[in-house]
Protein backbone atom coordinates (compact mmCIF):
# COMPACT_ATOMS: atom_id res chain seq x y z
CA MET A 1 -2.59 19.62 -20.04
CA GLU A 2 -2.22 19.77 -23.45
CA ASN A 3 -2.69 16.74 -26.11
CA TRP A 4 1.09 18.23 -27.26
CA SER A 5 2.13 18.19 -24.23
CA ILE A 6 1.22 14.72 -23.15
CA ALA A 7 2.86 13.33 -26.14
CA ALA A 8 6.19 15.09 -25.80
CA CYS A 9 6.59 13.50 -22.23
CA GLU A 10 5.05 10.73 -23.81
CA VAL A 11 8.26 10.63 -26.50
CA ILE A 12 10.18 11.16 -24.04
CA LEU A 13 9.78 7.97 -21.86
CA LEU A 14 9.40 5.70 -25.10
CA ALA A 15 12.99 7.25 -26.13
CA GLY A 16 14.45 7.66 -22.41
CA ALA A 17 13.50 3.82 -21.87
CA SER A 18 14.50 2.50 -25.69
CA VAL A 19 18.49 4.23 -25.34
CA VAL A 20 18.94 2.63 -21.33
CA GLY A 21 17.07 -0.56 -22.57
CA TRP A 22 20.09 -0.68 -25.38
CA GLY A 23 22.39 0.46 -23.70
CA SER A 24 21.36 -2.79 -20.58
CA ARG A 25 19.11 -5.77 -21.07
CA GLU A 26 18.46 -5.68 -17.27
CA PHE A 27 16.35 -3.14 -18.09
CA TRP A 28 13.65 -5.14 -18.52
CA ARG A 29 13.73 -7.31 -16.34
CA VAL A 30 10.96 -7.24 -13.94
CA PRO A 31 10.23 -4.80 -11.61
CA ARG A 32 11.76 -5.20 -7.63
CA ARG A 33 10.27 -2.38 -6.37
CA LEU A 34 7.31 -1.42 -8.75
CA TRP A 35 5.93 -5.03 -9.34
CA LEU A 36 2.63 -4.02 -8.52
CA PRO A 37 2.06 -0.90 -10.18
CA ALA A 38 3.88 -2.36 -12.76
CA LEU A 39 1.69 -5.43 -12.72
CA LEU A 40 -0.76 -2.93 -13.30
CA VAL A 41 -0.44 -1.37 -16.59
CA VAL A 42 1.21 -5.17 -17.83
CA VAL A 43 -2.36 -6.67 -17.09
CA LEU A 44 -3.86 -3.15 -19.00
CA LEU A 45 -1.68 -3.55 -21.99
CA ALA A 46 -2.17 -7.19 -22.16
CA VAL A 47 -6.28 -6.21 -22.18
CA GLY A 48 -5.79 -3.37 -24.95
CA LEU A 49 -3.72 -5.55 -27.23
CA ALA A 50 -6.83 -8.08 -27.27
CA GLN A 51 -9.00 -6.25 -27.79
CA LEU A 52 -7.64 -4.88 -30.95
CA VAL A 53 -7.69 -8.66 -32.13
CA PRO A 54 -10.37 -8.86 -34.91
CA LEU A 55 -12.65 -11.89 -33.68
CA PRO A 56 -15.18 -13.60 -37.09
CA ALA A 57 -18.77 -11.59 -37.13
CA SER A 58 -20.70 -15.28 -37.07
CA LEU A 59 -18.41 -15.66 -33.48
CA TRP A 60 -19.91 -12.59 -31.88
CA LYS A 61 -23.35 -13.08 -33.46
CA ALA A 62 -23.80 -16.80 -32.15
CA CYS A 63 -23.43 -15.07 -28.23
CA GLY A 64 -25.45 -12.29 -29.40
CA ALA A 65 -22.67 -9.47 -27.93
CA GLU A 66 -23.78 -6.23 -28.40
CA ARG A 67 -21.07 -5.47 -31.20
CA TYR A 68 -22.87 -7.23 -34.25
CA THR A 69 -26.53 -6.77 -32.84
CA MET A 70 -25.86 -3.44 -32.63
CA TYR A 71 -25.76 -3.27 -36.83
CA GLU A 72 -28.80 -4.90 -36.65
CA ARG A 73 -30.32 -3.06 -33.94
CA ALA A 74 -29.23 0.35 -36.23
CA ALA A 75 -30.84 -1.55 -39.94
CA ARG A 76 -34.19 -2.13 -38.19
CA ALA A 77 -34.30 1.37 -36.76
CA GLU A 78 -34.18 2.31 -40.03
CA ALA A 79 -36.09 0.86 -41.52
CA LEU A 80 -39.22 1.94 -38.71
CA LEU A 81 -38.21 5.06 -40.18
CA HIS A 82 -39.33 4.87 -43.48
CA THR A 83 -42.74 2.68 -42.90
CA ASP A 84 -46.11 4.45 -43.28
CA ALA A 85 -46.07 5.37 -39.46
CA TYR A 86 -43.61 7.87 -39.63
CA ARG A 87 -43.58 8.66 -43.05
CA ARG A 88 -47.71 10.60 -42.67
CA ASP A 89 -48.78 13.37 -40.52
CA PRO A 90 -50.98 11.99 -38.23
CA PHE A 91 -52.70 15.12 -37.89
CA SER A 92 -52.94 16.08 -41.19
CA ALA A 93 -56.19 15.60 -43.45
CA GLU A 94 -53.81 13.39 -45.34
CA ALA A 95 -53.84 10.61 -43.06
CA GLU A 96 -56.32 8.44 -44.41
CA LYS A 97 -54.98 8.53 -47.96
CA PRO A 98 -52.26 5.63 -48.46
CA LEU A 99 -48.79 6.64 -49.43
CA PRO A 100 -47.09 6.17 -52.66
CA PRO A 101 -44.29 2.98 -52.27
CA GLU A 102 -40.76 4.25 -51.56
CA ASN A 103 -37.01 4.07 -52.98
CA TRP A 104 -34.65 3.91 -50.56
CA THR A 105 -30.90 2.82 -49.84
CA PRO A 106 -30.61 1.59 -46.66
CA ARG A 107 -27.81 3.55 -44.88
CA THR A 108 -26.94 1.58 -42.82
CA PRO A 109 -23.94 -0.18 -42.57
CA LYS A 110 -23.68 -4.40 -42.35
CA ALA A 111 -21.83 -5.73 -39.79
CA PRO A 112 -18.41 -6.39 -41.13
CA ALA A 113 -16.84 -10.26 -41.36
CA TRP A 114 -14.40 -9.36 -38.88
CA ILE A 115 -15.30 -7.10 -35.54
CA PRO A 116 -12.82 -6.05 -32.57
CA PRO A 117 -13.64 -6.43 -29.04
CA SER A 118 -13.27 -2.58 -28.56
CA PHE A 119 -16.16 0.08 -29.51
CA THR A 120 -13.21 2.40 -30.38
CA PRO A 121 -9.77 0.94 -32.10
CA PRO A 122 -7.91 4.23 -32.73
CA ALA A 123 -9.15 5.02 -29.24
CA THR A 124 -7.94 1.38 -27.98
CA PHE A 125 -4.66 1.80 -29.74
CA ARG A 126 -4.10 5.62 -28.30
CA ALA A 127 -4.26 4.13 -25.01
CA LEU A 128 -2.09 1.69 -25.35
CA LEU A 129 0.79 3.98 -26.28
CA ALA A 130 -0.15 6.45 -23.14
CA LEU A 131 0.30 2.86 -21.30
CA ALA A 132 3.53 2.17 -22.84
CA ALA A 133 5.29 5.41 -21.44
CA GLY A 134 3.54 4.00 -17.92
CA LEU A 135 5.91 1.34 -17.80
CA CYS A 136 8.72 3.06 -19.52
CA LEU A 137 8.42 5.50 -16.84
CA ILE A 138 8.19 2.25 -14.00
CA LEU A 139 11.79 0.82 -15.10
CA LEU A 140 13.71 4.25 -15.16
CA LEU A 141 12.30 4.56 -12.28
CA GLU A 142 13.40 1.61 -11.11
CA ARG A 143 17.06 1.63 -12.46
CA LEU A 144 17.17 5.43 -10.62
CA ALA A 145 16.52 2.98 -7.29
CA GLU A 146 19.12 0.47 -8.19
CA GLU A 147 21.42 3.69 -8.12
CA GLY A 148 21.41 4.22 -4.63
CA ARG A 149 19.88 6.45 -2.34
CA ASP A 150 21.33 9.89 -4.18
CA ALA A 151 20.03 9.51 -7.24
CA LEU A 152 16.35 9.11 -6.37
CA ARG A 153 17.79 11.94 -3.69
CA ARG A 154 18.16 14.17 -6.24
CA LEU A 155 14.77 13.00 -8.47
CA ALA A 156 12.79 14.14 -5.28
CA TRP A 157 14.47 17.29 -4.69
CA LEU A 158 13.62 18.14 -8.96
CA VAL A 159 10.66 17.17 -8.35
CA GLY A 160 9.14 18.85 -5.50
CA GLY A 161 11.14 21.46 -6.51
CA LEU A 162 8.65 21.47 -9.82
CA GLY A 163 5.32 20.66 -7.95
CA LEU A 164 6.66 23.84 -5.78
CA PHE A 165 6.48 26.04 -9.40
CA VAL A 166 3.46 25.00 -10.36
CA ALA A 167 1.69 25.80 -7.30
CA LEU A 168 3.36 29.01 -7.28
CA ALA A 169 2.56 29.85 -10.72
CA ALA A 170 -1.34 28.64 -10.28
CA LEU A 171 -1.68 31.10 -6.99
CA ALA A 172 -0.16 34.05 -9.03
CA GLU A 173 -2.65 32.70 -11.85
CA PHE A 174 -5.62 32.44 -9.45
CA GLN A 175 -5.19 36.40 -9.71
CA ASP A 176 -5.95 37.39 -13.05
CA LYS A 177 -9.58 35.81 -13.62
CA ALA A 178 -9.35 36.66 -17.28
CA ARG A 179 -6.00 35.55 -18.35
CA THR A 180 -6.04 34.32 -22.28
CA THR A 181 -2.71 32.22 -21.86
CA ILE A 182 -0.85 29.74 -19.87
CA LEU A 183 1.63 30.24 -17.92
CA TRP A 184 1.20 33.97 -19.39
CA VAL A 185 2.94 32.33 -22.47
CA ARG A 186 1.13 30.22 -24.37
CA PRO A 187 -2.94 31.05 -25.39
CA SER A 188 -5.15 29.20 -25.07
CA ALA A 189 -9.13 29.39 -24.85
CA ARG A 190 -8.87 27.04 -21.38
CA ALA A 191 -6.19 29.55 -19.72
CA ALA A 192 -9.12 30.73 -17.36
CA GLY A 193 -8.98 27.99 -15.68
CA ALA A 194 -5.70 26.43 -15.85
CA PHE A 195 -3.67 25.47 -12.56
CA GLY A 196 -0.25 26.20 -13.69
CA PRO A 197 0.45 24.52 -16.69
CA PHE A 198 -2.75 21.92 -16.19
CA VAL A 199 -5.73 23.02 -18.23
CA ASN A 200 -7.53 21.18 -15.89
CA PRO A 201 -7.23 22.62 -12.08
CA ASN A 202 -7.84 19.26 -10.76
CA HIS A 203 -4.94 17.52 -12.39
CA GLY A 204 -2.90 20.33 -11.59
CA ALA A 205 -3.81 20.16 -7.93
CA ALA A 206 -3.53 16.71 -8.18
CA PHE A 207 0.12 17.10 -8.69
CA VAL A 208 0.76 19.71 -6.35
CA ASN A 209 -0.47 16.83 -3.70
CA LEU A 210 1.77 14.79 -4.78
CA ALA A 211 4.76 16.81 -4.86
CA VAL A 212 5.43 18.78 -3.02
CA PRO A 213 5.02 16.69 -0.05
CA LEU A 214 8.46 15.38 -1.12
CA LEU A 215 9.05 18.84 -0.14
CA TYR A 216 8.29 18.42 3.02
CA TYR A 217 9.62 14.77 3.92
CA LEU A 218 13.42 15.70 2.00
CA ILE A 219 13.22 18.72 4.85
CA TRP A 220 12.05 16.97 7.38
CA ARG A 221 14.32 14.63 7.41
CA LEU A 222 17.45 17.08 7.54
CA SER A 223 15.73 18.84 10.58
CA CYS A 224 15.86 14.56 11.85
CA ALA A 225 19.76 15.32 11.25
CA THR A 226 21.12 17.85 12.28
CA ALA A 227 21.95 18.07 15.79
CA ARG A 228 21.22 22.01 17.11
CA ARG A 229 17.81 23.06 18.26
CA SER A 230 17.71 26.51 15.90
CA ASP A 231 18.69 24.77 12.74
CA ARG A 232 15.75 22.06 13.83
CA PHE A 233 13.22 24.72 14.37
CA GLY A 234 14.39 26.77 11.42
CA LEU A 235 14.01 23.76 8.91
CA ARG A 236 10.18 22.44 10.35
CA LEU A 237 9.30 25.49 10.11
CA LEU A 238 9.80 26.40 6.37
CA CYS A 239 8.15 22.52 6.05
CA LEU A 240 4.62 24.31 7.58
CA GLY A 241 5.09 27.72 5.68
CA LEU A 242 5.67 25.25 2.82
CA PHE A 243 2.46 22.84 3.38
CA ALA A 244 0.03 26.30 4.90
CA LEU A 245 0.93 27.50 1.25
CA HIS A 246 -0.27 24.70 -0.23
CA VAL A 247 -3.46 24.06 1.50
CA ALA A 248 -4.03 28.17 0.50
CA VAL A 249 -3.22 27.00 -3.11
CA LEU A 250 -5.74 24.18 -2.70
CA PHE A 251 -8.27 26.19 -1.51
CA ALA A 252 -7.85 28.52 -4.35
CA SER A 253 -8.41 25.74 -6.36
CA HIS A 254 -11.44 24.47 -5.72
CA SER A 255 -10.70 21.11 -5.74
CA GLN A 256 -12.54 19.37 -3.07
CA GLY A 257 -11.66 15.52 -4.21
CA SER A 258 -7.86 17.29 -3.61
CA LEU A 259 -8.81 18.21 -0.28
CA LEU A 260 -9.24 15.08 1.12
CA ALA A 261 -5.55 14.02 1.74
CA LEU A 262 -5.28 17.07 3.82
CA LEU A 263 -7.85 14.92 6.67
CA PHE A 264 -5.23 12.46 6.86
CA TYR A 265 -2.56 15.08 7.47
CA PRO A 266 -3.43 14.86 11.27
CA LEU A 267 -4.17 10.94 11.61
CA ALA A 268 -0.64 9.83 9.80
CA TRP A 269 1.26 12.23 12.42
CA LEU A 270 -0.70 11.06 15.03
CA ALA A 271 0.00 7.44 14.01
CA ASN A 272 4.22 8.47 12.86
CA GLY A 273 5.73 7.81 16.47
CA ALA A 274 2.70 5.75 17.69
CA LEU A 275 5.02 2.78 19.28
CA HIS A 276 7.63 4.82 21.15
CA PRO A 277 6.61 3.93 24.54
CA SER A 278 6.55 7.41 25.54
CA ARG A 279 4.02 7.96 23.35
CA PRO A 280 1.51 5.08 23.51
CA TRP A 281 -1.11 7.72 23.34
CA ARG A 282 -0.41 8.93 19.81
CA LEU A 283 -1.71 5.21 18.80
CA ALA A 284 -5.13 5.21 20.09
CA LEU A 285 -6.33 9.06 19.06
CA ALA A 286 -5.17 7.61 15.96
CA TRP A 287 -7.84 5.04 16.15
CA VAL A 288 -10.34 7.18 17.34
CA PHE A 289 -9.35 9.72 14.83
CA LEU A 290 -9.75 7.01 12.00
CA ALA A 291 -12.76 5.93 13.36
CA ALA A 292 -14.55 9.05 13.01
CA LEU A 293 -13.11 10.23 9.34
CA LEU A 294 -14.92 6.82 8.92
CA CYS A 295 -18.02 7.76 10.17
CA GLY A 296 -17.69 11.33 9.62
CA GLY A 297 -17.50 10.01 5.02
CA ALA A 298 -20.17 6.69 5.61
CA LEU A 299 -22.42 10.28 7.22
CA ALA A 300 -21.46 12.70 4.72
CA ALA A 301 -22.82 9.61 1.85
CA TRP A 302 -25.86 8.41 3.65
CA SER A 303 -27.02 11.93 3.49
CA GLY A 304 -26.27 12.70 0.35
CA LEU A 305 -23.29 15.94 1.19
CA VAL A 306 -21.15 13.57 -0.73
CA SER A 307 -23.01 11.83 -3.38
CA ASP A 308 -24.73 15.76 -4.31
CA ARG A 309 -21.69 17.60 -4.70
CA GLY A 310 -19.01 15.51 -5.65
CA ARG A 311 -19.07 12.42 -8.50
CA LEU A 312 -20.35 9.18 -6.17
CA ARG A 313 -23.52 9.37 -7.81
CA LEU A 314 -22.40 9.37 -11.16
CA GLY A 315 -22.09 5.44 -11.56
CA ALA A 316 -25.47 4.53 -11.43
CA ASN A 317 -25.13 3.97 -15.96
CA VAL A 318 -22.15 2.19 -15.62
CA PRO A 319 -22.98 -0.92 -17.60
CA ALA A 320 -22.63 -4.59 -16.30
CA HIS A 321 -22.53 -6.23 -19.03
CA GLY A 322 -19.57 -6.81 -21.57
CA PHE A 323 -16.78 -8.20 -17.93
CA ALA A 324 -14.81 -10.13 -19.35
CA LEU A 325 -13.05 -7.73 -22.51
CA GLY A 326 -15.17 -4.40 -21.39
CA HIS A 327 -16.02 -1.93 -24.01
CA GLY A 328 -12.07 -0.58 -25.31
CA LEU A 329 -9.62 1.42 -23.83
CA GLY A 330 -10.37 4.15 -24.16
CA SER A 331 -14.29 3.62 -25.11
CA PHE A 332 -15.80 5.30 -22.39
CA GLU A 333 -15.99 9.29 -23.44
CA PRO A 334 -17.91 8.02 -27.11
CA GLN A 335 -19.57 5.34 -25.41
CA PHE A 336 -20.83 6.03 -21.90
CA ALA A 337 -23.55 8.46 -22.51
CA ALA A 338 -25.34 6.22 -24.40
CA GLU A 339 -25.50 3.56 -21.57
CA SER A 340 -29.12 3.69 -19.91
CA ALA A 341 -28.54 0.21 -17.15
CA ASP A 342 -28.68 0.97 -13.71
CA LEU A 343 -26.30 -0.58 -10.97
CA PRO A 344 -27.84 -1.34 -7.61
CA PHE A 345 -26.37 1.31 -4.05
CA PHE A 346 -26.07 3.95 -6.83
CA PRO A 347 -28.47 6.79 -7.02
CA GLN A 348 -30.03 7.62 -10.74
CA MET A 349 -27.47 9.91 -12.75
CA ARG A 350 -27.67 13.58 -12.79
CA ASN A 351 -25.34 13.74 -15.80
CA THR A 352 -23.51 11.76 -18.77
CA HIS A 353 -19.77 12.56 -17.13
CA LEU A 354 -18.02 9.87 -14.41
CA GLU A 355 -14.86 10.73 -12.96
CA ASN A 356 -14.73 7.05 -10.90
CA GLU A 357 -11.44 5.38 -12.11
CA TYR A 358 -12.12 2.47 -10.87
CA LEU A 359 -15.77 2.02 -13.00
CA GLN A 360 -14.14 3.25 -15.50
CA ALA A 361 -11.79 0.57 -15.76
CA PHE A 362 -14.08 -1.98 -15.40
CA PHE A 363 -16.33 -0.23 -18.52
CA GLU A 364 -12.77 0.15 -21.03
CA GLY A 365 -11.42 -2.72 -20.06
CA GLY A 366 -13.90 -5.72 -17.76
CA ILE A 367 -13.18 -7.37 -14.44
CA LEU A 368 -9.47 -8.41 -14.85
CA PRO A 369 -7.85 -4.02 -14.92
CA ALA A 370 -10.81 -3.15 -11.91
CA LEU A 371 -9.37 -5.63 -10.04
CA ALA A 372 -5.96 -5.42 -10.74
CA ALA A 373 -6.59 -1.02 -10.46
CA LEU A 374 -8.64 -2.37 -6.83
CA ALA A 375 -5.35 -4.01 -6.08
CA THR A 376 -3.19 -1.05 -6.58
CA GLY A 377 -5.17 1.15 -4.26
CA VAL A 378 -4.72 -1.13 -1.92
CA GLY A 379 -1.31 -1.66 -2.14
CA VAL A 380 -0.37 2.03 -2.08
CA VAL A 381 -2.95 2.32 1.30
CA TYR A 382 -0.86 -0.61 3.32
CA LEU A 383 2.45 1.21 1.64
CA ALA A 384 1.49 4.55 3.13
CA ALA A 385 0.26 3.32 6.77
CA ARG A 386 3.30 0.85 6.63
CA LEU A 387 5.97 3.63 6.34
CA SER A 388 3.78 6.20 8.94
CA LEU A 389 4.09 3.85 11.56
CA GLU A 390 7.87 2.26 10.52
CA ALA A 391 9.50 5.17 9.14
CA HIS A 392 9.70 8.58 11.13
CA ALA A 393 9.88 11.33 8.74
CA ALA A 394 7.51 9.74 5.63
CA PHE A 395 4.36 10.47 8.04
CA TRP A 396 3.95 13.56 5.44
CA LEU A 397 3.83 10.91 2.21
CA ALA A 398 1.45 8.86 3.37
CA PRO A 399 -1.81 11.09 3.16
CA VAL A 400 -1.51 12.06 0.02
CA LEU A 401 -1.17 7.94 -1.27
CA VAL A 402 -4.13 7.46 -0.02
CA GLY A 403 -5.88 10.84 -0.68
CA GLU A 404 -4.99 10.00 -4.16
CA THR A 405 -6.02 6.60 -3.84
CA LEU A 406 -9.43 8.32 -3.05
CA HIS A 407 -9.74 10.67 -4.94
CA ALA A 408 -9.31 8.36 -7.90
CA ALA A 409 -12.65 7.44 -6.83
CA VAL A 410 -14.67 10.18 -6.52
CA ASP A 411 -13.24 13.55 -8.46
CA PHE A 412 -10.52 12.63 -11.40
CA THR A 413 -10.51 12.81 -14.92
CA ALA A 414 -7.62 10.71 -16.20
CA HIS A 415 -9.73 8.64 -18.10
CA VAL A 416 -6.56 5.91 -18.38
CA PHE A 417 -5.95 4.77 -14.66
CA PRO A 418 -2.30 3.90 -15.46
CA ILE A 419 -1.70 7.92 -15.53
CA VAL A 420 -3.47 8.13 -12.09
CA GLY A 421 -0.51 5.65 -10.87
CA ALA A 422 1.88 7.79 -13.11
CA LEU A 423 1.18 10.24 -10.40
CA LEU A 424 1.14 7.76 -7.63
CA LEU A 425 4.62 7.23 -8.90
CA VAL A 426 5.44 10.59 -8.06
CA CYS A 427 5.75 10.39 -4.86
CA ILE A 428 6.65 6.36 -4.12
CA VAL A 429 10.14 8.10 -5.73
CA GLY A 430 10.44 9.34 -2.19
CA MET A 431 9.80 6.01 -0.55
CA VAL A 432 11.61 3.67 -2.85
CA ALA A 433 14.96 4.93 -1.00
CA LEU A 434 12.93 4.50 2.43
CA GLU A 435 11.79 0.31 1.24
CA VAL A 436 15.44 -0.73 1.36
CA GLN A 437 16.02 0.49 4.44
CA LEU A 438 12.40 -1.33 5.79
CA ASP A 439 13.25 -4.51 3.79
CA ALA A 440 16.35 -4.57 4.99
CA GLY A 441 16.23 -3.30 9.06
CA GLY A 442 12.11 -2.74 9.45
CA SER A 443 11.69 -5.03 12.10
CA ALA A 444 14.96 -3.93 14.18
CA HIS A 445 14.29 -0.49 13.96
CA LYS A 446 10.26 -0.84 14.51
CA GLN A 447 11.79 -2.77 17.83
CA ARG A 448 14.37 -0.01 18.74
CA ARG A 449 11.91 2.54 19.06
CA ARG A 450 9.33 0.41 21.05
CA HIS A 451 12.33 0.22 23.27
CA GLY A 452 13.11 3.43 23.09
CA GLY A 453 16.85 2.68 22.30
CA PRO A 454 18.87 4.64 19.33
CA ARG A 455 18.03 4.80 15.51
CA ARG A 456 19.61 4.82 13.14
CA ASP A 457 19.13 8.49 10.78
CA GLU A 458 17.76 7.81 7.61
CA VAL A 459 20.23 10.60 5.81
CA THR A 460 23.44 10.87 7.69
CA GLY A 461 23.65 7.62 8.98
CA GLU A 462 23.93 8.24 12.54
CA ARG A 463 22.59 7.11 15.09
CA GLU A 464 20.16 9.29 17.24
CA ALA A 465 17.91 8.81 20.30
CA ALA A 466 14.24 7.75 20.10
CA GLY A 467 12.40 9.88 20.17
């Protein structure tokens, strides 16, 4: 979205957390349900703060760090430009005549006495504000989860409704290729490619990917709770109609990375209910489908189809040095284009626009944020697999968690990885309510489904026959 709207969201989150935290000290305790994304944000906050601490220039000089040697290289380059070789035209008749001495004043700044690890301290400070807002979002969601499932269900309906509004607005906007306003209200130079309120259609498609499935999840739960077959059929038909609209919007947006989630819906449906004794074929077919997805992805990457049309090959220039503290949070855009180091197993860069949040976390923060980002991705995929197998309505949510986690590796432009985490949290909101049931009786629930016994519905609490 535009910068003013991002700043407004951050102010709302910071102010909201301050108000709630002022009245309750327990608000600031370590999250119990959302501890993994909270850990990612805390790691990045700690690294970002360390990157702003000035260190003596003599220390940087002693270890030969780039933050000091860059000043020396710049001074030598400027001096070279004033040598005779660069002051004369080798093809002119005056090339053999001696040049008069030149009096010039060096313009290259000297190395300061204290140098912070971050190459771009203002951008790192700005990233810290975004991280603080992300942490406030996690704490507020954790507080909301403690209020019970009703509060989470209301929030899920609200977020799902917002996702549907964005999808419908984007579909209407796509009909006007010459539009000059965002949502027909705000003039913007980037309105022609907007996706609803999002100036980047990739971001808009990702938001719809994560928000609209909450409606599928809620409507499907309602269909499971109703006793009338006609009502159940109508609700599920509505759910499938919304899914068709979702697919149409994604294809109209031309966001290829957002289409990844669609590949996992058949897999999630097959895995759902696979432990029931009357459906053993689902689990076998799910494994076959997963193997086909993996083989297809490997073949696409090997043949160059993905790397040519996507962004897999854009990671070749990510430098391997600076792995301890990175180049500074937010330093990617002003620094990356100047890098030329290559990593093994990657083809040459074809441009200077990286869109891999895991590599960017390594570039900006070093090894710790990169490992935390990978751990968060693995945790989200594990949660998705667990919910597909153990919660009969949550298979609608699992594909987007897996799809957007992969999306962050090939075609995402958040530029600060916790923003991707915050989008994932939008979908995790609907899953927090399930964690209570899974933690308290997940194994018993699995045993009931495995042996065909009755199970308790997630919405009404009434027992229904398995299957």
